[in-house]
């Protein structure tokens, strides 16, 4: 029977209509219930998802902007038996936190990063993010992102997957029921990789932001399909050779 996951609190989400954070929160709660949630510690970042600790009933640590991987590293090293993950947006992980995520991955820290990529700064007004697509209009690129001036969008999963410390790297999307199920499967696998002590794992999630994209929730689903996935292909970019089914 379809019901609310036990780990989801009764508090209503504050997210805009059509935002995919709520979907990811539910998937995360469902998957964590398959593990021992009492031994799970989440690290929340700065951004639209900063209040995730209000919605999923596990232990949380709030990190300064971009520093979630460093905080998670400390937590995991002190509590190596715990399942430790970060929940970060593109501004937090791929901009101010670039150094943190790269070196946590390079060290092979046994943590999991959940990276929500909606190609724009959501909380602060829709400015260009490191993952904003070429030609995409934002409040700081009103004529569209121009690589000659703003550079190219950063492909985080491709970049991190080449590091030896990374055991699992995948990109998923949440714009269709089939892809939601695939995202849940990838999330489960990432946590299994951590449980097996194989190294760093990251799941990049292509997510809709209708408010800052200036489109309807339904149009945002098509935008993910036609624009985001075209530049950010879905799939597993690195998987362990053994130790995880």
C-alpha atoms as a PDB file:
ATOM      1  CA  UNK A   1       0.000   0.000   0.000  1.00  0.00           C
ATOM      2  CA  UNK A   2       1.269   3.484  -0.867  1.00  0.00           C
ATOM      3  CA  UNK A   3       1.961   5.404   2.326  1.00  0.00           C
ATOM      4  CA  UNK A   4       4.247   7.986   3.831  1.00  0.00           C
ATOM      5  CA  UNK A   5       7.724   6.632   4.672  1.00  0.00           C
ATOM      6  CA  UNK A   6       8.147   6.371   8.424  1.00  0.00           C
ATOM      7  CA  UNK A   7      11.225   8.627   8.323  1.00  0.00           C
ATOM      8  CA  UNK A   8       9.359  11.518   6.692  1.00  0.00           C
ATOM      9  CA  UNK A   9       7.991  13.943   9.279  1.00  0.00           C
ATOM     10  CA  UNK A  10       4.473  15.402   9.141  1.00  0.00           C
ATOM     11  CA  UNK A  11       5.801  18.856   8.306  1.00  0.00           C
ATOM     12  CA  UNK A  12       4.746  20.181   4.900  1.00  0.00           C
ATOM     13  CA  UNK A  13       7.509  20.848   2.377  1.00  0.00           C
ATOM     14  CA  UNK A  14       8.291  24.518   1.795  1.00  0.00           C
ATOM     15  CA  UNK A  15       9.489  23.975  -1.775  1.00  0.00           C
ATOM     16  CA  UNK A  16       8.007  25.704  -4.812  1.00  0.00           C
ATOM     17  CA  UNK A  17       5.426  23.827  -6.944  1.00  0.00           C
ATOM     18  CA  UNK A  18       7.228  21.485  -9.345  1.00  0.00           C
ATOM     19  CA  UNK A  19      10.493  21.439  -7.378  1.00  0.00           C
ATOM     20  CA  UNK A  20      12.050  17.986  -7.256  1.00  0.00           C
ATOM     21  CA  UNK A  21      13.552  18.281  -3.779  1.00  0.00           C
ATOM     22  CA  UNK A  22      10.395  16.782  -2.322  1.00  0.00           C
ATOM     23  CA  UNK A  23      10.627  13.735  -4.594  1.00  0.00           C
ATOM     24  CA  UNK A  24      14.245  13.197  -3.640  1.00  0.00           C
ATOM     25  CA  UNK A  25      13.438  13.563   0.054  1.00  0.00           C
ATOM     26  CA  UNK A  26      10.882  10.780  -0.242  1.00  0.00           C
ATOM     27  CA  UNK A  27      13.284   8.499  -2.114  1.00  0.00           C
ATOM     28  CA  UNK A  28      15.972   9.172   0.461  1.00  0.00           C
ATOM     29  CA  UNK A  29      13.589   8.367   3.324  1.00  0.00           C
ATOM     30  CA  UNK A  30      12.480   5.150   1.618  1.00  0.00           C
ATOM     31  CA  UNK A  31      16.027   3.954   0.982  1.00  0.00           C
ATOM     32  CA  UNK A  32      17.267   4.855   4.454  1.00  0.00           C
ATOM     33  CA  UNK A  33      14.498   2.724   5.943  1.00  0.00           C
ATOM     34  CA  UNK A  34      16.141  -0.251   4.226  1.00  0.00           C
ATOM     35  CA  UNK A  35      19.283   0.446   6.231  1.00  0.00           C
ATOM     36  CA  UNK A  36      19.520   1.136   9.959  1.00  0.00           C
ATOM     37  CA  UNK A  37      18.323   4.720  10.113  1.00  0.00           C
ATOM     38  CA  UNK A  38      19.450   5.024  13.741  1.00  0.00           C
ATOM     39  CA  UNK A  39      23.012   4.664  12.478  1.00  0.00           C
ATOM     40  CA  UNK A  40      22.621   7.281   9.740  1.00  0.00           C
ATOM     41  CA  UNK A  41      23.941  10.851   9.878  1.00  0.00           C
ATOM     42  CA  UNK A  42      23.092  13.427   7.224  1.00  0.00           C
ATOM     43  CA  UNK A  43      24.991  16.657   6.587  1.00  0.00           C
ATOM     44  CA  UNK A  44      22.806  19.482   5.283  1.00  0.00           C
ATOM     45  CA  UNK A  45      24.153  22.262   3.107  1.00  0.00           C
ATOM     46  CA  UNK A  46      23.267  25.879   2.424  1.00  0.00           C
ATOM     47  CA  UNK A  47      20.638  26.401  -0.271  1.00  0.00           C
ATOM     48  CA  UNK A  48      17.009  25.541  -0.929  1.00  0.00           C
ATOM     49  CA  UNK A  49      17.432  22.207   0.843  1.00  0.00           C
ATOM     50  CA  UNK A  50      18.887  23.675   4.035  1.00  0.00           C
ATOM     51  CA  UNK A  51      15.791  22.637   6.000  1.00  0.00           C
ATOM     52  CA  UNK A  52      15.972  18.973   4.994  1.00  0.00           C
ATOM     53  CA  UNK A  53      16.560  18.186   8.653  1.00  0.00           C
ATOM     54  CA  UNK A  54      12.937  19.247   9.286  1.00  0.00           C
ATOM     55  CA  UNK A  55      11.628  16.599   6.897  1.00  0.00           C
ATOM     56  CA  UNK A  56      13.690  13.417   7.406  1.00  0.00           C
ATOM     57  CA  UNK A  57      13.862  12.100  10.943  1.00  0.00           C
ATOM     58  CA  UNK A  58      17.497  11.075  11.339  1.00  0.00           C
ATOM     59  CA  UNK A  59      20.527  12.679  12.976  1.00  0.00           C
ATOM     60  CA  UNK A  60      21.708  15.789  11.104  1.00  0.00           C
ATOM     61  CA  UNK A  61      24.669  18.144  11.158  1.00  0.00           C
ATOM     62  CA  UNK A  62      24.390  21.560   9.488  1.00  0.00           C
ATOM     63  CA  UNK A  63      27.498  22.599   7.554  1.00  0.00           C
ATOM     64  CA  UNK A  64      28.739  26.003   6.463  1.00  0.00           C
ATOM     65  CA  UNK A  65      28.276  26.843   2.792  1.00  0.00           C
ATOM     66  CA  UNK A  66      30.226  24.345   0.658  1.00  0.00           C
ATOM     67  CA  UNK A  67      31.784  22.547   3.613  1.00  0.00           C
ATOM     68  CA  UNK A  68      29.451  19.546   3.848  1.00  0.00           C
ATOM     69  CA  UNK A  69      32.061  17.053   2.503  1.00  0.00           C
ATOM     70  CA  UNK A  70      34.592  18.238   5.101  1.00  0.00           C
ATOM     71  CA  UNK A  71      32.041  17.930   7.898  1.00  0.00           C
ATOM     72  CA  UNK A  72      30.947  14.509   6.639  1.00  0.00           C
ATOM     73  CA  UNK A  73      34.587  13.425   6.514  1.00  0.00           C
ATOM     74  CA  UNK A  74      35.036  14.322  10.169  1.00  0.00           C
ATOM     75  CA  UNK A  75      31.816  12.584  11.185  1.00  0.00           C
ATOM     76  CA  UNK A  76      32.668   9.402   9.271  1.00  0.00           C
ATOM     77  CA  UNK A  77      36.203   9.202  10.643  1.00  0.00           C
ATOM     78  CA  UNK A  78      34.955   9.581  14.198  1.00  0.00           C
ATOM     79  CA  UNK A  79      31.966   7.264  13.609  1.00  0.00           C
ATOM     80  CA  UNK A  80      33.157   4.832  10.892  1.00  0.00           C
ATOM     81  CA  UNK A  81      30.226   2.490  11.550  1.00  0.00           C
ATOM     82  CA  UNK A  82      27.658   5.147  10.627  1.00  0.00           C
ATOM     83  CA  UNK A  83      26.120   5.730   7.212  1.00  0.00           C
ATOM     84  CA  UNK A  84      27.112   9.337   6.422  1.00  0.00           C
ATOM     85  CA  UNK A  85      25.923  11.422   3.488  1.00  0.00           C
ATOM     86  CA  UNK A  86      25.754  15.019   2.285  1.00  0.00           C
ATOM     87  CA  UNK A  87      22.791  16.642   0.554  1.00  0.00           C
ATOM     88  CA  UNK A  88      23.968  19.560  -1.609  1.00  0.00           C
ATOM     89  CA  UNK A  89      22.866  21.771  -4.467  1.00  0.00           C
ATOM     90  CA  UNK A  90      24.937  22.931  -7.439  1.00  0.00           C
ATOM     91  CA  UNK A  91      25.952  26.208  -5.828  1.00  0.00           C
ATOM     92  CA  UNK A  92      27.017  24.512  -2.618  1.00  0.00           C
ATOM     93  CA  UNK A  93      28.823  21.522  -4.160  1.00  0.00           C
ATOM     94  CA  UNK A  94      30.063  22.809  -7.515  1.00  0.00           C
ATOM     95  CA  UNK A  95      30.872  26.451  -6.693  1.00  0.00           C
ATOM     96  CA  UNK A  96      31.945  27.424  -3.181  1.00  0.00           C
ATOM     97  CA  UNK A  97      32.417  23.753  -2.272  1.00  0.00           C
ATOM     98  CA  UNK A  98      34.395  22.605  -5.320  1.00  0.00           C
ATOM     99  CA  UNK A  99      37.623  22.129  -3.409  1.00  0.00           C
ATOM    100  CA  UNK A 100      35.876  20.244  -0.616  1.00  0.00           C
ATOM    101  CA  UNK A 101      34.129  17.743  -2.888  1.00  0.00           C
ATOM    102  CA  UNK A 102      37.131  17.155  -5.138  1.00  0.00           C
ATOM    103  CA  UNK A 103      39.508  16.383  -2.286  1.00  0.00           C
ATOM    104  CA  UNK A 104      37.003  14.278  -0.338  1.00  0.00           C
ATOM    105  CA  UNK A 105      36.566  12.223  -3.507  1.00  0.00           C
ATOM    106  CA  UNK A 106      40.308  12.068  -4.183  1.00  0.00           C
ATOM    107  CA  UNK A 107      40.937  10.833  -0.640  1.00  0.00           C
ATOM    108  CA  UNK A 108      38.321   8.144  -1.122  1.00  0.00           C
ATOM    109  CA  UNK A 109      36.378   9.236   1.946  1.00  0.00           C
ATOM    110  CA  UNK A 110      33.745   6.617   2.686  1.00  0.00           C
ATOM    111  CA  UNK A 111      30.824   9.012   2.459  1.00  0.00           C
ATOM    112  CA  UNK A 112      28.020   9.527  -0.049  1.00  0.00           C
ATOM    113  CA  UNK A 113      27.285  12.855  -1.738  1.00  0.00           C
ATOM    114  CA  UNK A 114      23.777  13.521  -3.035  1.00  0.00           C
ATOM    115  CA  UNK A 115      24.143  16.342  -5.550  1.00  0.00           C
ATOM    116  CA  UNK A 116      20.960  18.144  -6.644  1.00  0.00           C
ATOM    117  CA  UNK A 117      21.631  19.886  -9.975  1.00  0.00           C
ATOM    118  CA  UNK A 118      18.925  22.264 -11.155  1.00  0.00           C
ATOM    119  CA  UNK A 119      21.313  24.403 -13.224  1.00  0.00           C
ATOM    120  CA  UNK A 120      20.580  27.612 -11.328  1.00  0.00           C
ATOM    121  CA  UNK A 121      20.959  29.240  -7.903  1.00  0.00           C
ATOM    122  CA  UNK A 122      17.490  28.607  -6.513  1.00  0.00           C
ATOM    123  CA  UNK A 123      17.447  30.154  -3.049  1.00  0.00           C
ATOM    124  CA  UNK A 124      19.152  33.452  -3.834  1.00  0.00           C
ATOM    125  CA  UNK A 125      17.137  34.540  -6.873  1.00  0.00           C
ATOM    126  CA  UNK A 126      18.018  32.530  -9.951  1.00  0.00           C
ATOM    127  CA  UNK A 127      21.601  33.557 -10.699  1.00  0.00           C
ATOM    128  CA  UNK A 128      23.921  31.557 -12.963  1.00  0.00           C
ATOM    129  CA  UNK A 129      25.363  28.434 -11.365  1.00  0.00           C
ATOM    130  CA  UNK A 130      28.429  26.401 -12.385  1.00  0.00           C
ATOM    131  CA  UNK A 131      25.988  23.960 -14.018  1.00  0.00           C
ATOM    132  CA  UNK A 132      23.896  26.567 -15.868  1.00  0.00           C
ATOM    133  CA  UNK A 133      23.639  25.462 -19.493  1.00  0.00           C
ATOM    134  CA  UNK A 134      25.123  27.309 -22.446  1.00  0.00           C
ATOM    135  CA  UNK A 135      22.536  29.804 -23.650  1.00  0.00           C
ATOM    136  CA  UNK A 136      20.425  29.475 -20.491  1.00  0.00           C
ATOM    137  CA  UNK A 137      19.004  32.767 -19.266  1.00  0.00           C
ATOM    138  CA  UNK A 138      19.331  33.619 -15.576  1.00  0.00           C
ATOM    139  CA  UNK A 139      19.183  36.827 -13.573  1.00  0.00           C
ATOM    140  CA  UNK A 140      22.944  37.255 -14.080  1.00  0.00           C
ATOM    141  CA  UNK A 141      22.980  36.010 -17.695  1.00  0.00           C
ATOM    142  CA  UNK A 142      19.885  37.741 -19.124  1.00  0.00           C
ATOM    143  CA  UNK A 143      21.085  37.087 -22.686  1.00  0.00           C
ATOM    144  CA  UNK A 144      22.014  33.485 -21.943  1.00  0.00           C
ATOM    145  CA  UNK A 145      25.220  31.913 -20.682  1.00  0.00           C
ATOM    146  CA  UNK A 146      28.024  32.681 -23.100  1.00  0.00           C
ATOM    147  CA  UNK A 147      31.096  30.407 -22.807  1.00  0.00           C
ATOM    148  CA  UNK A 148      33.291  33.236 -24.052  1.00  0.00           C
ATOM    149  CA  UNK A 149      32.409  35.241 -20.938  1.00  0.00           C
ATOM    150  CA  UNK A 150      31.168  32.768 -18.313  1.00  0.00           C
ATOM    151  CA  UNK A 151      32.883  29.546 -19.365  1.00  0.00           C
ATOM    152  CA  UNK A 152      31.238  26.175 -19.879  1.00  0.00           C
ATOM    153  CA  UNK A 153      28.910  24.244 -17.553  1.00  0.00           C
ATOM    154  CA  UNK A 154      30.759  21.931 -15.158  1.00  0.00           C
ATOM    155  CA  UNK A 155      30.129  18.187 -15.463  1.00  0.00           C
ATOM    156  CA  UNK A 156      30.790  17.151 -11.882  1.00  0.00           C
ATOM    157  CA  UNK A 157      30.151  13.411 -12.155  1.00  0.00           C
ATOM    158  CA  UNK A 158      32.396  13.032 -15.199  1.00  0.00           C
ATOM    159  CA  UNK A 159      35.116  15.043 -13.484  1.00  0.00           C
ATOM    160  CA  UNK A 160      34.973  13.167 -10.176  1.00  0.00           C
ATOM    161  CA  UNK A 161      34.603   9.700 -11.678  1.00  0.00           C
ATOM    162  CA  UNK A 162      38.201   9.695 -12.932  1.00  0.00           C
ATOM    163  CA  UNK A 163      39.584  10.030  -9.394  1.00  0.00           C
ATOM    164  CA  UNK A 164      40.929   6.820  -7.881  1.00  0.00           C
ATOM    165  CA  UNK A 165      39.155   7.405  -4.576  1.00  0.00           C
ATOM    166  CA  UNK A 166      35.720   7.319  -6.191  1.00  0.00           C
ATOM    167  CA  UNK A 167      34.029   3.920  -6.054  1.00  0.00           C
ATOM    168  CA  UNK A 168      30.623   4.845  -7.461  1.00  0.00           C
ATOM    169  CA  UNK A 169      29.423   7.793  -9.535  1.00  0.00           C
ATOM    170  CA  UNK A 170      26.074   8.092 -11.284  1.00  0.00           C
ATOM    171  CA  UNK A 171      23.707  10.680 -12.723  1.00  0.00           C
ATOM    172  CA  UNK A 172      19.936  10.276 -12.503  1.00  0.00           C
ATOM    173  CA  UNK A 173      16.829  12.380 -13.136  1.00  0.00           C
ATOM    174  CA  UNK A 174      13.388  12.687 -11.541  1.00  0.00           C
ATOM    175  CA  UNK A 175      11.197  13.832 -14.434  1.00  0.00           C
ATOM    176  CA  UNK A 176       9.459  10.512 -15.189  1.00  0.00           C
ATOM    177  CA  UNK A 177       8.235   7.611 -13.025  1.00  0.00           C
ATOM    178  CA  UNK A 178      10.771   5.262 -14.637  1.00  0.00           C
ATOM    179  CA  UNK A 179      13.635   7.612 -13.877  1.00  0.00           C
ATOM    180  CA  UNK A 180      12.464   8.070 -10.299  1.00  0.00           C
ATOM    181  CA  UNK A 181      12.741   4.305  -9.822  1.00  0.00           C
ATOM    182  CA  UNK A 182      16.186   4.346 -11.426  1.00  0.00           C
ATOM    183  CA  UNK A 183      17.233   7.147  -9.074  1.00  0.00           C
ATOM    184  CA  UNK A 184      16.121   5.103  -6.080  1.00  0.00           C
ATOM    185  CA  UNK A 185      18.118   2.122  -7.326  1.00  0.00           C
ATOM    186  CA  UNK A 186      21.249   4.258  -7.753  1.00  0.00           C
ATOM    187  CA  UNK A 187      20.834   5.804  -4.314  1.00  0.00           C
ATOM    188  CA  UNK A 188      20.546   2.357  -2.760  1.00  0.00           C
ATOM    189  CA  UNK A 189      23.689   1.243  -4.590  1.00  0.00           C
ATOM    190  CA  UNK A 190      25.644   4.279  -3.425  1.00  0.00           C
ATOM    191  CA  UNK A 191      24.836   3.483   0.196  1.00  0.00           C
ATOM    192  CA  UNK A 192      25.783  -0.172  -0.316  1.00  0.00           C
ATOM    193  CA  UNK A 193      29.146   0.986  -1.676  1.00  0.00           C
ATOM    194  CA  UNK A 194      29.653   2.987   1.508  1.00  0.00           C
ATOM    195  CA  UNK A 195      28.598   0.072   3.697  1.00  0.00           C
ATOM    196  CA  UNK A 196      31.163  -2.111   1.906  1.00  0.00           C
ATOM    197  CA  UNK A 197      33.878   0.506   2.630  1.00  0.00           C
ATOM    198  CA  UNK A 198      34.798   0.719  -1.057  1.00  0.00           C
ATOM    199  CA  UNK A 199      35.347   4.461  -1.186  1.00  0.00           C
ATOM    200  CA  UNK A 200      33.577   7.697  -2.085  1.00  0.00           C
ATOM    201  CA  UNK A 201      30.198   7.642  -3.837  1.00  0.00           C
ATOM    202  CA  UNK A 202      28.198  10.393  -5.522  1.00  0.00           C
ATOM    203  CA  UNK A 203      24.729  10.583  -7.058  1.00  0.00           C
ATOM    204  CA  UNK A 204      24.016  13.606  -9.249  1.00  0.00           C
ATOM    205  CA  UNK A 205      20.285  14.289  -9.551  1.00  0.00           C
ATOM    206  CA  UNK A 206      18.973  16.424 -12.415  1.00  0.00           C
ATOM    207  CA  UNK A 207      16.210  18.412 -10.773  1.00  0.00           C
ATOM    208  CA  UNK A 208      13.591  20.910 -11.934  1.00  0.00           C
ATOM    209  CA  UNK A 209      13.366  24.525 -10.746  1.00  0.00           C
ATOM    210  CA  UNK A 210      10.252  25.913 -12.488  1.00  0.00           C
ATOM    211  CA  UNK A 211      10.245  29.161 -10.489  1.00  0.00           C
ATOM    212  CA  UNK A 212      13.720  30.305 -11.505  1.00  0.00           C
ATOM    213  CA  UNK A 213      13.514  28.780 -14.983  1.00  0.00           C
ATOM    214  CA  UNK A 214      10.346  30.808 -15.560  1.00  0.00           C
ATOM    215  CA  UNK A 215       8.287  27.840 -16.781  1.00  0.00           C
ATOM    216  CA  UNK A 216       5.395  25.747 -15.500  1.00  0.00           C
ATOM    217  CA  UNK A 217       6.045  22.515 -13.562  1.00  0.00           C
ATOM    218  CA  UNK A 218       4.963  20.478 -16.602  1.00  0.00           C
ATOM    219  CA  UNK A 219       7.183  22.481 -18.946  1.00  0.00           C
ATOM    220  CA  UNK A 220      10.062  21.982 -16.496  1.00  0.00           C
ATOM    221  CA  UNK A 221       9.788  18.215 -16.920  1.00  0.00           C
ATOM    222  CA  UNK A 222      10.250  18.633 -20.678  1.00  0.00           C
ATOM    223  CA  UNK A 223      13.120  21.062 -20.109  1.00  0.00           C
ATOM    224  CA  UNK A 224      14.976  18.422 -18.094  1.00  0.00           C
ATOM    225  CA  UNK A 225      14.467  15.966 -20.969  1.00  0.00           C
ATOM    226  CA  UNK A 226      15.298  18.261 -23.865  1.00  0.00           C
ATOM    227  CA  UNK A 227      17.979  20.494 -22.358  1.00  0.00           C
ATOM    228  CA  UNK A 228      19.596  19.047 -19.251  1.00  0.00           C
ATOM    229  CA  UNK A 229      19.890  15.385 -20.212  1.00  0.00           C
ATOM    230  CA  UNK A 230      21.232  16.380 -23.620  1.00  0.00           C
ATOM    231  CA  UNK A 231      24.230  17.980 -21.901  1.00  0.00           C
ATOM    232  CA  UNK A 232      24.315  15.857 -18.755  1.00  0.00           C
ATOM    233  CA  UNK A 233      23.771  12.243 -19.926  1.00  0.00           C
ATOM    234  CA  UNK A 234      22.250   9.863 -17.406  1.00  0.00           C
ATOM    235  CA  UNK A 235      23.883   6.640 -16.263  1.00  0.00           C
ATOM    236  CA  UNK A 236      26.536   5.087 -14.074  1.00  0.00           C
ATOM    237  CA  UNK A 237      29.931   6.635 -14.723  1.00  0.00           C
ATOM    238  CA  UNK A 238      31.873   4.458 -12.325  1.00  0.00           C
ATOM    239  CA  UNK A 239      30.928   1.276 -10.507  1.00  0.00           C
ATOM    240  CA  UNK A 240      32.896  -1.073  -8.248  1.00  0.00           C
ATOM    241  CA  UNK A 241      34.131  -4.243  -9.890  1.00  0.00           C
ATOM    242  CA  UNK A 242      32.941  -6.357  -6.985  1.00  0.00           C
ATOM    243  CA  UNK A 243      31.519  -6.183  -3.484  1.00  0.00           C
ATOM    244  CA  UNK A 244      28.130  -4.644  -4.351  1.00  0.00           C
ATOM    245  CA  UNK A 245      25.180  -6.293  -6.068  1.00  0.00           C
END
